[in-house]
Protein backbone atom coordinates (compact mmCIF):
# COMPACT_ATOMS: atom_id res chain seq x y z
CA UNK A 1 3.98 -183.45 190.44
CA UNK A 2 3.03 -180.40 193.28
CA UNK A 3 -0.38 -179.86 190.91
CA UNK A 4 -0.51 -183.53 191.26
CA UNK A 5 -0.49 -183.47 194.78
CA UNK A 6 -2.30 -179.78 195.64
CA UNK A 7 -5.45 -181.54 193.23
CA UNK A 8 -4.85 -185.20 195.26
CA UNK A 9 -5.58 -182.89 198.16
CA UNK A 10 -8.75 -180.94 197.30
CA UNK A 11 -10.31 -184.30 196.14
CA UNK A 12 -9.41 -185.78 199.64
CA UNK A 13 -11.13 -183.04 201.06
CA UNK A 14 -14.06 -182.34 198.98
CA UNK A 15 -14.96 -186.24 200.17
CA UNK A 16 -13.90 -185.78 203.35
CA UNK A 17 -16.07 -183.22 203.68
CA UNK A 18 -19.34 -184.65 201.62
CA UNK A 19 -19.06 -187.55 203.98
CA UNK A 20 -19.21 -185.57 207.05
CA UNK A 21 -22.32 -183.43 205.43
CA UNK A 22 -24.04 -186.24 204.66
CA UNK A 23 -26.18 -187.75 207.54
CA UNK A 24 -26.17 -183.77 208.26
CA UNK A 25 -30.67 -182.96 208.72
CA UNK A 26 -31.39 -186.96 207.28
CA UNK A 27 -35.60 -187.19 208.42
CA UNK A 28 -36.65 -190.64 206.93
CA UNK A 29 -39.79 -190.76 204.60
CA UNK A 30 -42.61 -192.42 206.73
CA UNK A 31 -45.49 -191.80 203.60
CA UNK A 32 -45.12 -195.62 202.87
CA UNK A 33 -44.29 -195.24 199.31
CA UNK A 34 -40.31 -196.49 197.85
CA UNK A 35 -37.65 -197.65 200.32
CA UNK A 36 -38.74 -196.53 204.04
CA UNK A 37 -34.90 -196.15 204.52
CA UNK A 38 -34.87 -193.71 201.93
CA UNK A 39 -34.66 -190.05 203.23
CA UNK A 40 -37.52 -187.59 202.80
CA UNK A 41 -35.77 -184.67 201.21
CA UNK A 42 -31.72 -185.30 201.00
CA UNK A 43 -30.62 -182.13 199.51
CA UNK A 44 -28.01 -182.78 197.25
CA UNK A 45 -27.03 -179.57 195.69
CA UNK A 46 -26.86 -177.72 199.03
CA UNK A 47 -24.80 -180.62 200.63
CA UNK A 48 -22.25 -180.68 197.54
CA UNK A 49 -22.46 -176.77 197.61
CA UNK A 50 -21.14 -176.71 201.11
CA UNK A 51 -18.97 -179.63 200.58
CA UNK A 52 -17.42 -177.83 197.47
CA UNK A 53 -17.16 -174.69 199.79
CA UNK A 54 -15.33 -176.24 203.29
CA UNK A 55 -13.14 -177.99 200.97
CA UNK A 56 -12.04 -174.96 199.32
CA UNK A 57 -11.33 -173.46 202.88
CA UNK A 58 -9.64 -176.62 203.80
CA UNK A 59 -7.61 -176.34 200.47
CA UNK A 60 -6.52 -173.16 200.94
CA UNK A 61 -4.94 -173.41 204.81
CA UNK A 62 -3.01 -176.59 203.20
CA UNK A 63 -1.85 -174.27 200.43
CA UNK A 64 -1.12 -171.30 202.96
CA UNK A 65 1.20 -173.80 204.69
CA UNK A 66 3.17 -175.24 201.57
CA UNK A 67 3.55 -171.62 200.54
CA UNK A 68 5.01 -170.59 204.39
CA UNK A 69 7.26 -174.36 203.58
CA UNK A 70 5.64 -175.77 207.19
CA UNK A 71 4.49 -178.63 204.64
CA UNK A 72 7.20 -179.97 202.40
CA UNK A 73 5.59 -181.10 199.26
């Protein structure tokens, strides 16, 4: 059960970090080709990598608090 909670915490933190990072640095494409609301260069690989690093950092803090018995799961 503890492993499921820790894995679930990582997934939640990852999606939270991704949702925060998605709108950063978006420039709309104004070249007249395709959807005018679509971003010109979304840089998804960079955002996925940054979300993973941010989630891992937040998860390590969470896990440290669990190990120190500040948070009981």
